[in-house]
């Protein structure tokens, strides 16, 4: 199942022109505030009628300006999770979860309700009212209510923006499980790069109402030309590895295609595949394998490309095994190392430089 979008809309001096495909998994709409992300999801939901274009969900036309088709929101069967959750305060959690079946006249599916409750870890909350829930708990219930409306896809508009770091860390594993188990297209709006890197299978990069690039998350994060779009201080590539051991000193060992990585202890079983974001600013380069360093992660690599910015900085794109790594360094350092495409080097990453929030399930 996939979503196809090709629309244009103008209002208040702003023009949106966007075309992209959202397959199964999480398609993240990423960009600065005002890029057009919420406008896009509202058009998909049917809350905004674009001036032109077409929206197609798994072969069914939701909107076609040329043919005069514009399905009402309730006929699109799309679940929408807002930033604030928007639970009914007078209903318990169980009542909020039962609401979609009640309003449509459907008989609630007890087995499906139990599956969603278990997946989101909200079984202990069923008798509580929203006022007694934390922000993360409210968002999990809101996700559950959306899923129990039998949607063909989910829209999530900055669902973690109102949460502090601790609550975000609490809910992200549930969103990963949702992505992996529900097999729905999920359109996920965010301007938080760590969320996008952890959850997205596809990224649509937006700027000033236009799609700059769209494609697999790994490809976009590894493109040095896009580093300024993601933010030079946060830009970094995604590596996929398998947990091979948990060591007594509190480090977990991952096998990646170019070698091994030692990271702060991760809550994952041996054999679990994980995605790790390594920020370009945390990678040091050496032409030869260094000795006597405190850094534990040293990966042999080959320079693929060098991207020079307007200032003194350079982004080096490296290949380590089958993975791509980005390194941010000064032009002076690049010249001193005589870096050039095809040149061998070693990428050095401190274990403590990789934050827990940058490690997620594949």
Foldseek 3Di string as FASTA:
>chain_A
DKKWWAAWADDDNAIAGETDMFFQFEEEEAADPQLCQVVVVCCVLLVDPGPATWMADPRRTCDHNVVPHHDHNVVQQEFEAEQQLPFDQVAFLLCLLCVLCVVVVHDQDPVLLVVLCVLLVCPVRRGHGPVPDDLLSSRSSSVSSSVSNVGQEYEYANNCVPDDPVSCVVRLQSLQSCSVPVRHRYYYYDHDVLSCLFGGQKYFYTGRNYGPDIDGPQVQLLDPVCCVRNPLQARKGKWKWFFADQDPVQWTWTQTQQGIATAGDDPDDGGFMKIFTDHQAQKDKFLDDDPDDPFDDKGKWFWADWDDDPDQKIWTWIDRRNHIIIHIDGPVVCVVRVHDGGRIIIITGHRHSGDNSRMYGD
